[in-house]
Amino acid sequence: MLEGAGGGRDRPGSPQGGKQYRPRPPNGQAGRSAAGRARPFGGYARGYRVPVFTGLVQAVGRVSAIERTGRGPMAPVRLRIDPGSWEHRPTLGDSICVSGVCLTVAGRSGGGRGKVRTLDFDVIPETLARTKLGGLRVGDGVNLEHAVTAATLMGGHFVQGHVDGVGRVVSVSRGDDWRVRVRVGRELRALMIPKGSVCVDGVSLTIAAVRADGFEVAFIPTTLELTTLAGLRPGDVVNIEADMLVKAVASVVRGMGAGAKGGRARRVRSKSGAATANRGGAPRADGARKGSGGRGGRW
């Protein structure tokens, strides 16, 4: 994620065979404590959990405060959000997808009957510069979703909360067929495929059409009712995350292409070197080389 990755606490594992399941660390290695002693996998998992989302928005919150936590224009920002009627009660360190950006809960204040009144997130300059969060104002709505667990029903598509870039709304066609056209850069455009998935401001959507400068998505009534996307206007900026499966395939294909080009270049250099070495042809009995006109081996 752009910031705050893996800093959360363990989520309860699902019971398997009467035992508490905990994910294994990479390469099957046990974690180690500060003193260097091996510790159980559960201890390692506390710093290794990688959140994943589905793009199915669970609530719309409102920005209640934006405070700089340091000096200068590039200082981190403390973003405070009122989750409204959201029933989820995240704890410190939990990962929340905020309009498509994975952020870590840095603070919270409680309301009555166990409900959460506000959630605080620390947003670093990199995130502010590369996403639309840098342009948020007090009162703006944001889409909220907590990370999925092994017991979560998987809908939408896999969303990491790693925003690939921002797009700009070109047009909005309202009515029975509510469509929004978004312009994106060339690199993002290459990751858009017809009927593929895309995450726009944290919402999982199906690409209805691919255009020369971007893509088009269609909204169903549920999306308009339960997310912030109904308020989009031409010129608005939106966070875009391409489908992680498409990105993986594109990365592999690029790697194969680079390898093929490198192989061709090596073969060309090899052939060129061999041709240069044999350029004079076989020597003749008189010392001249074939093709030299009999001039004593001169080229």
Foldseek 3Di string as FASTA:
>chain_A
DQDLFQQAADDFADDDPNDTDDDADPPNDFDADPVGHGDHRNVVSSRVDAFKFFQPFQFKKFFADWAFPDDDPQGKIKTKIARPPRPDDDDFSFWKQKQLATFTFHDWDADPPGHTGMTITIGGSVRLVFFCPVVDDGGDMITIDGTDHPPDDHDQAIGRNPFPGKWFWAAWDDDPWTKIWTFDDPVVLVLADQQFWKRKRSHIFGFPARDPGGTMTTDDPVCCVGGPVVPDDGGDMITIDGHVVSVVVVVVVVVVVVVVVVVVVVVVVVVVVVCVVCVQPDADPVCDTPPPVPPNPDD
